[in-house]
Amino acid sequence: MGSGRFVAPKTLEVKLNDGGSRVLTAGRIFLNLGTHAAIPNVLGLTAAQPLTHVEALELDYLPRHLIVIGGGYVGLELAQAYRRFGSDVTIIETGPQLLAREDIDVSQEMRRILDEEGIQVLFKTELLQVTGRSGDRVTLTVRTPSGDQQIDGSDILVAAGRVPNTAGIGLKEAGVELDGRGYIRVNARLETSAPDVWAIGECAGSPQFTHISEDDFRIVRDNLAGGHRGTGDRLVPYCMFTDPPLARVGLSEGEAERQGIIARVARLPMDAVLAAQANDQRQGFMKALVSDSDDRILGFTMIGAAAGEVVAVVHTAMLAGLSYSKLADADFAHPTMAEGLSFLFSRVPPRAVQQTRSKVA
């Protein structure tokens, strides 16, 4: 147990917690360093000792008024949880919408859900200064489109991104290159610039989900055993565990548009799903993107009960390369949330572009 840093390629010096040091060498090195919460460079914020997701999960008291900096997945999960515990909650978001990576209809639906629970959200808001100490009393000075204002609260939760744990551990001495954001440069096989050194998980710039870090491990393991796996064609599903949860796999509408991909869009309110009616879990919707040229499923998004389970069905269909019609015609068990998939994919519009086939003599 101790703190280590590289002093040469494949050579690590460890300052032991109980005193002294050891030098370790190995033929192969695997870097699984992780990330930590980013603390924005705002006057007084660090001195206020704000919570991150780590401390927010260890509190032994209920914040009177929790101010959440960041409207992403971690921020929304914890904002809703503490609101349901009984805290007043305010979310400060610098952008124009919650969940910046998602389509506007997804963001608007999530905002509606949070609004109904009494969570206040400030958009296009810049944090200028913080006074006080989180856990006691804090005042945040913010700049909004309508002018500067002050927000008084008891606790601050910072959920504004991640920073890789790559600084100060001698990676340069180990011959390991970083990119401009401090993440370790890797190829599709997760090999670094140094021979026989691999990086996995968030420090390698992989999508920041536990299941992807686990897949990184499998890629390295299988390649060491003679396999030929890589990250280039990986299909990444994810789930935000609010209530109801948000799950997505594949492309959003915005991503398809930016990539110049013509897609057909089908949408189904959860209120139209029989299981949602039976269980009175009617919030949210399902949305699917289907290729206009070959009927492949390009993406699926769901806000609704059991979204994390339903997305696995579509994920599997996408991995198998199935046509959307296979799900439209499937006999899903009744009444389940997955049953809604047949209703959803039955709503896919006809192709906008008629394909022509050239005849080769």
Protein backbone atom coordinates (compact mmCIF):
# COMPACT_ATOMS: atom_id res chain seq x y z
CA MET A 1 0.00 0.00 0.00
CA GLY A 2 1.44 3.33 -1.01
CA SER A 3 1.83 6.03 -3.65
CA GLY A 4 3.56 5.07 -6.88
CA ARG A 5 5.14 6.91 -9.78
CA PHE A 6 7.13 5.77 -12.76
CA VAL A 7 10.84 6.56 -12.69
CA ALA A 8 11.70 4.73 -15.94
CA PRO A 9 9.96 2.49 -18.49
CA LYS A 10 8.20 -0.37 -16.70
CA THR A 11 9.76 0.78 -13.42
CA LEU A 12 7.63 2.04 -10.56
CA GLU A 13 8.81 3.54 -7.28
CA VAL A 14 6.30 3.16 -4.44
CA LYS A 15 6.43 5.26 -1.29
CA LEU A 16 4.92 2.93 1.28
CA ASN A 17 2.23 4.16 3.65
CA ASP A 18 4.11 2.72 6.64
CA GLY A 19 7.43 4.27 5.61
CA GLY A 20 10.19 3.43 3.19
CA SER A 21 9.86 2.66 -0.48
CA ARG A 22 10.02 -0.17 -2.99
CA VAL A 23 10.93 -0.33 -6.67
CA LEU A 24 8.78 -2.59 -8.82
CA THR A 25 9.46 -3.70 -12.38
CA ALA A 26 7.43 -5.86 -14.73
CA GLY A 27 7.38 -7.08 -18.30
CA ARG A 28 3.82 -5.85 -18.77
CA ILE A 29 2.08 -2.85 -17.27
CA PHE A 30 -1.68 -2.21 -17.17
CA LEU A 31 -2.86 1.31 -16.29
CA ASN A 32 -6.33 1.47 -14.74
CA LEU A 33 -6.11 4.89 -13.11
CA GLY A 34 -9.67 6.18 -13.30
CA THR A 35 -10.80 9.79 -13.02
CA HIS A 36 -11.95 12.23 -10.35
CA ALA A 37 -14.56 14.95 -10.29
CA ALA A 38 -13.55 18.22 -11.93
CA ILE A 39 -13.85 21.31 -9.72
CA PRO A 40 -14.45 24.38 -11.93
CA ASN A 41 -12.03 27.27 -11.51
CA VAL A 42 -14.48 29.60 -9.78
CA LEU A 43 -13.56 32.06 -7.05
CA GLY A 44 -14.25 30.51 -3.65
CA LEU A 45 -15.53 27.15 -4.92
CA THR A 46 -12.61 24.99 -3.79
CA ALA A 47 -12.47 26.80 -0.44
CA ALA A 48 -16.15 25.98 0.08
CA GLN A 49 -15.24 22.27 0.10
CA PRO A 50 -18.10 21.14 -2.15
CA LEU A 51 -19.41 17.62 -2.34
CA THR A 52 -18.62 15.37 -5.27
CA HIS A 53 -20.49 12.16 -6.05
CA VAL A 54 -18.22 10.38 -3.56
CA GLU A 55 -19.11 12.53 -0.55
CA ALA A 56 -22.76 12.82 -1.62
CA LEU A 57 -23.08 9.05 -1.20
CA GLU A 58 -21.54 9.17 2.30
CA LEU A 59 -23.53 11.97 3.96
CA ASP A 60 -25.06 11.26 7.36
CA TYR A 61 -27.34 14.30 7.27
CA LEU A 62 -29.94 15.76 4.92
CA PRO A 63 -28.94 19.00 3.17
CA ARG A 64 -31.50 21.75 3.67
CA HIS A 65 -30.87 23.18 0.21
CA LEU A 66 -28.56 21.33 -2.17
CA ILE A 67 -27.18 23.33 -5.10
CA VAL A 68 -26.03 21.05 -7.93
CA ILE A 69 -23.47 22.40 -10.41
CA GLY A 70 -24.03 20.51 -13.65
CA GLY A 71 -27.07 19.09 -15.40
CA GLY A 72 -25.57 15.82 -16.60
CA TYR A 73 -26.22 12.23 -15.55
CA VAL A 74 -24.56 12.28 -12.12
CA GLY A 75 -26.05 15.66 -11.27
CA LEU A 76 -29.59 14.61 -12.15
CA GLU A 77 -29.42 11.25 -10.40
CA LEU A 78 -28.29 12.80 -7.14
CA ALA A 79 -30.49 15.88 -7.47
CA GLN A 80 -33.60 13.73 -7.73
CA ALA A 81 -32.50 11.42 -4.93
CA TYR A 82 -31.91 14.26 -2.47
CA ARG A 83 -35.13 15.97 -3.50
CA ARG A 84 -37.00 12.78 -2.65
CA PHE A 85 -35.17 12.58 0.67
CA GLY A 86 -36.60 16.04 1.39
CA SER A 87 -33.94 18.57 0.38
CA ASP A 88 -34.67 21.69 -1.63
CA VAL A 89 -32.64 21.31 -4.84
CA THR A 90 -31.41 23.82 -7.41
CA ILE A 91 -29.49 22.76 -10.54
CA ILE A 92 -27.15 25.21 -12.25
CA GLU A 93 -26.47 24.39 -15.90
CA THR A 94 -24.21 26.47 -18.16
CA GLY A 95 -25.80 25.19 -21.35
CA PRO A 96 -29.28 25.69 -22.81
CA GLN A 97 -30.58 22.26 -21.79
CA LEU A 98 -30.14 19.35 -19.39
CA LEU A 99 -28.26 16.31 -20.67
CA ALA A 100 -26.26 18.08 -23.35
CA ARG A 101 -25.56 14.87 -25.30
CA GLU A 102 -29.25 14.03 -25.70
CA ASP A 103 -31.87 15.26 -28.14
CA ILE A 104 -33.95 18.25 -27.11
CA ASP A 105 -37.14 16.17 -26.68
CA VAL A 106 -35.30 13.91 -24.21
CA SER A 107 -34.00 16.91 -22.29
CA GLN A 108 -37.42 18.55 -22.20
CA GLU A 109 -39.12 15.41 -20.92
CA MET A 110 -36.55 15.01 -18.15
CA ARG A 111 -36.94 18.66 -17.20
CA ARG A 112 -40.72 18.22 -17.02
CA ILE A 113 -40.28 15.25 -14.69
CA LEU A 114 -37.90 17.16 -12.42
CA ASP A 115 -40.12 20.25 -12.46
CA GLU A 116 -43.03 18.17 -11.19
CA GLU A 117 -40.86 17.10 -8.25
CA GLY A 118 -40.06 20.70 -7.35
CA ILE A 119 -36.46 20.83 -8.55
CA GLN A 120 -35.44 24.27 -9.80
CA VAL A 121 -33.20 24.42 -12.88
CA LEU A 122 -31.30 27.48 -14.09
CA PHE A 123 -30.11 27.33 -17.72
CA LYS A 124 -27.42 29.36 -19.48
CA THR A 125 -26.11 30.21 -16.03
CA GLU A 126 -22.48 31.00 -15.25
CA LEU A 127 -21.15 30.53 -11.73
CA LEU A 128 -19.11 33.59 -10.78
CA GLN A 129 -18.27 33.26 -7.08
CA VAL A 130 -18.93 31.15 -4.02
CA THR A 131 -18.81 32.23 -0.38
CA GLY A 132 -19.31 30.14 2.74
CA ARG A 133 -18.76 26.45 3.31
CA SER A 134 -20.70 23.50 1.99
CA GLY A 135 -22.45 21.68 4.82
CA ASP A 136 -23.15 24.91 6.67
CA ARG A 137 -24.17 27.88 4.55
CA VAL A 138 -23.17 28.96 1.04
CA THR A 139 -24.01 31.80 -1.31
CA LEU A 140 -23.46 31.44 -5.04
CA THR A 141 -23.26 34.46 -7.31
CA VAL A 142 -24.41 33.51 -10.80
CA ARG A 143 -24.93 35.26 -14.12
CA THR A 144 -28.17 34.38 -15.87
CA PRO A 145 -29.72 35.69 -19.11
CA SER A 146 -31.86 38.00 -16.94
CA GLY A 147 -28.91 39.33 -14.94
CA ASP A 148 -26.71 38.49 -11.95
CA GLN A 149 -28.30 36.99 -8.86
CA GLN A 150 -27.39 35.21 -5.64
CA ILE A 151 -28.49 31.76 -4.56
CA ASP A 152 -28.37 30.82 -0.89
CA GLY A 153 -28.06 27.19 0.09
CA SER A 154 -26.60 24.78 2.61
CA ASP A 155 -24.58 22.39 0.43
CA ILE A 156 -22.93 22.32 -3.02
CA LEU A 157 -22.59 19.24 -5.20
CA VAL A 158 -20.16 19.55 -8.13
CA ALA A 159 -21.09 17.33 -11.07
CA ALA A 160 -19.37 19.17 -13.90
CA GLY A 161 -17.22 16.57 -15.59
CA ARG A 162 -14.22 14.34 -14.88
CA VAL A 163 -10.43 14.67 -14.84
CA PRO A 164 -8.15 11.67 -15.54
CA ASN A 165 -5.84 10.57 -12.72
CA THR A 166 -2.73 10.80 -14.90
CA ALA A 167 -0.88 13.83 -13.50
CA GLY A 168 2.18 13.52 -11.30
CA ILE A 169 2.81 9.78 -11.65
CA GLY A 170 5.72 9.84 -14.10
CA LEU A 171 3.95 8.70 -17.26
CA LYS A 172 6.39 10.72 -19.37
CA GLU A 173 9.30 8.83 -17.79
CA ALA A 174 7.46 5.61 -18.62
CA GLY A 175 7.16 6.64 -22.28
CA VAL A 176 3.37 6.89 -22.08
CA GLU A 177 1.89 9.73 -24.13
CA LEU A 178 -1.17 11.76 -23.11
CA ASP A 179 -3.62 13.65 -25.29
CA GLY A 180 -4.46 17.32 -24.93
CA ARG A 181 -7.00 16.63 -22.17
CA GLY A 182 -4.67 14.49 -20.08
CA TYR A 183 -6.06 11.10 -21.10
CA ILE A 184 -3.69 8.31 -22.12
CA ARG A 185 -3.33 7.86 -25.88
CA VAL A 186 -4.28 4.33 -26.91
CA ASN A 187 -5.03 2.50 -30.14
CA ALA A 188 -8.09 0.32 -30.75
CA ARG A 189 -6.40 -2.52 -28.86
CA LEU A 190 -5.85 -0.20 -25.86
CA GLU A 191 -2.07 -0.26 -26.34
CA THR A 192 -0.24 2.89 -25.26
CA SER A 193 2.78 4.52 -26.90
CA ALA A 194 5.05 2.46 -24.63
CA PRO A 195 5.71 -1.18 -25.56
CA ASP A 196 3.85 -3.72 -23.43
CA VAL A 197 1.90 -1.03 -21.60
CA TRP A 198 -1.90 -0.93 -21.84
CA ALA A 199 -4.50 1.49 -20.47
CA ILE A 200 -8.12 0.64 -19.72
CA GLY A 201 -11.18 2.44 -18.47
CA GLU A 202 -11.72 6.14 -18.05
CA CYS A 203 -8.03 7.11 -18.00
CA ALA A 204 -7.79 5.80 -21.58
CA GLY A 205 -10.62 8.05 -22.70
CA SER A 206 -13.12 5.19 -22.88
CA PRO A 207 -16.81 6.02 -22.30
CA GLN A 208 -17.17 6.60 -18.57
CA PHE A 209 -19.27 3.60 -17.60
CA THR A 210 -18.40 0.62 -15.42
CA HIS A 211 -19.51 -1.87 -18.06
CA ILE A 212 -17.20 -0.28 -20.64
CA SER A 213 -14.22 -0.47 -18.29
CA GLU A 214 -15.03 -4.15 -17.87
CA ASP A 215 -15.16 -4.56 -21.65
CA ASP A 216 -11.79 -2.81 -21.95
CA PHE A 217 -10.40 -5.51 -19.67
CA ARG A 218 -11.88 -8.25 -21.85
CA ILE A 219 -10.41 -6.68 -25.01
CA VAL A 220 -6.90 -6.65 -23.51
CA ARG A 221 -7.30 -10.14 -22.05
CA ASP A 222 -8.55 -11.64 -25.31
CA ASN A 223 -5.84 -9.98 -27.41
CA LEU A 224 -3.13 -11.26 -25.07
CA ALA A 225 -4.56 -14.73 -25.66
CA GLY A 226 -4.22 -14.31 -29.44
CA GLY A 227 -7.55 -12.67 -30.23
CA HIS A 228 -8.29 -9.71 -32.47
CA ARG A 229 -10.68 -7.46 -30.59
CA GLY A 230 -10.81 -3.67 -30.60
CA THR A 231 -12.84 -0.69 -29.47
CA GLY A 232 -13.51 0.74 -32.92
CA ASP A 233 -16.84 -0.99 -33.60
CA ARG A 234 -18.10 -1.09 -30.02
CA LEU A 235 -21.80 -0.34 -29.52
CA VAL A 236 -22.15 1.43 -26.16
CA PRO A 237 -25.44 1.30 -24.23
CA TYR A 238 -25.96 3.34 -21.08
CA CYS A 239 -28.57 4.12 -18.50
CA MET A 240 -29.12 7.13 -16.23
CA PHE A 241 -30.73 5.87 -13.04
CA THR A 242 -33.25 8.56 -12.36
CA ASP A 243 -36.88 7.60 -11.80
CA PRO A 244 -37.97 6.96 -14.47
CA PRO A 245 -34.57 6.05 -15.91
CA LEU A 246 -33.16 7.17 -19.25
CA ALA A 247 -31.46 4.60 -21.47
CA ARG A 248 -29.93 4.87 -24.92
CA VAL A 249 -27.93 2.83 -27.40
CA GLY A 250 -26.67 3.93 -30.79
CA LEU A 251 -27.33 7.25 -32.48
CA SER A 252 -29.50 10.12 -31.36
CA GLU A 253 -31.33 12.26 -33.90
CA GLY A 254 -28.76 15.01 -33.47
CA GLU A 255 -25.82 12.67 -33.97
CA ALA A 256 -27.38 11.19 -37.11
CA GLU A 257 -27.95 14.66 -38.54
CA ARG A 258 -24.39 15.78 -37.78
CA GLN A 259 -23.04 12.66 -39.48
CA GLY A 260 -25.20 13.18 -42.56
CA ILE A 261 -27.14 9.96 -41.98
CA ILE A 262 -30.72 9.83 -43.25
CA ALA A 263 -32.84 8.15 -40.60
CA ARG A 264 -36.51 7.51 -40.03
CA VAL A 265 -37.77 8.29 -36.54
CA ALA A 266 -40.53 6.51 -34.63
CA ARG A 267 -41.81 7.73 -31.28
CA LEU A 268 -44.19 6.20 -28.74
CA PRO A 269 -45.36 7.72 -25.45
CA MET A 270 -45.04 5.36 -22.51
CA ASP A 271 -48.74 5.95 -21.85
CA ALA A 272 -49.40 3.84 -24.97
CA VAL A 273 -47.55 0.82 -23.52
CA LEU A 274 -49.98 -1.61 -21.91
CA ALA A 275 -47.68 -2.50 -19.02
CA ALA A 276 -47.18 1.22 -18.26
CA GLN A 277 -50.96 1.61 -18.12
CA ALA A 278 -51.34 -1.42 -15.86
CA ASN A 279 -48.59 -0.28 -13.48
CA ASP A 280 -49.46 3.44 -13.76
CA GLN A 281 -45.87 4.20 -14.79
CA ARG A 282 -46.81 6.45 -17.68
CA GLN A 283 -44.00 9.03 -17.73
CA GLY A 284 -41.61 9.20 -20.66
CA PHE A 285 -41.43 7.85 -24.19
CA MET A 286 -39.58 5.50 -26.54
CA LYS A 287 -37.85 6.66 -29.71
CA ALA A 288 -36.13 4.67 -32.46
CA LEU A 289 -33.95 5.65 -35.43
CA VAL A 290 -34.01 3.38 -38.47
CA SER A 291 -31.80 3.61 -41.54
CA ASP A 292 -33.60 4.92 -44.61
CA SER A 293 -31.60 2.67 -46.91
CA ASP A 294 -31.55 -0.80 -45.37
CA ASP A 295 -33.97 -0.93 -42.37
CA ARG A 296 -31.19 -1.37 -39.79
CA ILE A 297 -31.85 0.02 -36.31
CA LEU A 298 -29.46 2.93 -35.78
CA GLY A 299 -30.45 4.05 -32.30
CA PHE A 300 -32.93 3.73 -29.48
CA THR A 301 -33.76 6.02 -26.58
CA MET A 302 -36.21 5.47 -23.74
CA ILE A 303 -37.32 7.43 -20.73
CA GLY A 304 -39.58 5.13 -18.74
CA ALA A 305 -39.81 2.41 -16.15
CA ALA A 306 -37.40 -0.49 -16.82
CA ALA A 307 -35.64 1.47 -19.57
CA GLY A 308 -32.33 -0.16 -18.68
CA GLU A 309 -33.81 -3.60 -19.33
CA VAL A 310 -35.72 -2.67 -22.49
CA VAL A 311 -32.65 -1.08 -24.09
CA ALA A 312 -30.89 -4.45 -23.81
CA VAL A 313 -33.44 -5.95 -26.21
CA VAL A 314 -32.75 -3.31 -28.86
CA HIS A 315 -29.00 -3.49 -28.20
CA THR A 316 -29.09 -7.23 -28.90
CA ALA A 317 -31.10 -6.70 -32.09
CA MET A 318 -28.59 -4.09 -33.28
CA LEU A 319 -25.64 -6.39 -32.56
CA ALA A 320 -27.38 -9.09 -34.60
CA GLY A 321 -28.00 -6.67 -37.48
CA LEU A 322 -31.74 -7.34 -37.44
CA SER A 323 -34.21 -5.33 -39.46
CA TYR A 324 -36.54 -3.16 -37.38
CA SER A 325 -39.44 -5.24 -38.73
CA LYS A 326 -38.26 -8.20 -36.66
CA LEU A 327 -39.06 -6.22 -33.51
CA ALA A 328 -42.24 -4.78 -34.99
CA ASP A 329 -43.49 -8.33 -35.63
CA ALA A 330 -42.14 -9.89 -32.41
CA ASP A 331 -44.57 -11.40 -29.88
CA PHE A 332 -43.24 -9.91 -26.65
CA ALA A 333 -44.72 -11.17 -23.41
CA HIS A 334 -47.76 -9.28 -22.12
CA PRO A 335 -47.85 -7.14 -20.06
CA THR A 336 -44.19 -6.08 -20.09
CA MET A 337 -42.47 -2.80 -20.91
CA ALA A 338 -40.64 -4.57 -23.75
CA GLU A 339 -44.02 -5.16 -25.37
CA GLY A 340 -43.96 -1.49 -26.28
CA LEU A 341 -41.16 -2.20 -28.77
CA SER A 342 -43.56 -3.87 -31.21
CA PHE A 343 -45.85 -0.83 -31.04
CA LEU A 344 -42.87 1.53 -31.45
CA PHE A 345 -41.29 -0.18 -34.45
CA SER A 346 -44.68 -0.58 -36.10
CA ARG A 347 -44.70 3.23 -36.29
CA VAL A 348 -41.51 3.51 -38.38
CA PRO A 349 -42.34 5.67 -41.43
CA PRO A 350 -41.81 4.33 -44.96
CA ARG A 351 -38.54 5.06 -46.71
CA ALA A 352 -38.12 8.62 -47.90
CA VAL A 353 -35.56 7.70 -50.53
CA GLN A 354 -36.32 4.95 -53.02
CA GLN A 355 -33.23 2.91 -53.70
CA THR A 356 -32.36 2.18 -57.32
CA ARG A 357 -30.34 -0.79 -58.37
CA SER A 358 -27.93 -0.53 -61.24
CA LYS A 359 -27.65 -3.50 -63.51
CA VAL A 360 -24.20 -4.68 -64.37
CA ALA A 361 -23.87 -6.33 -67.77
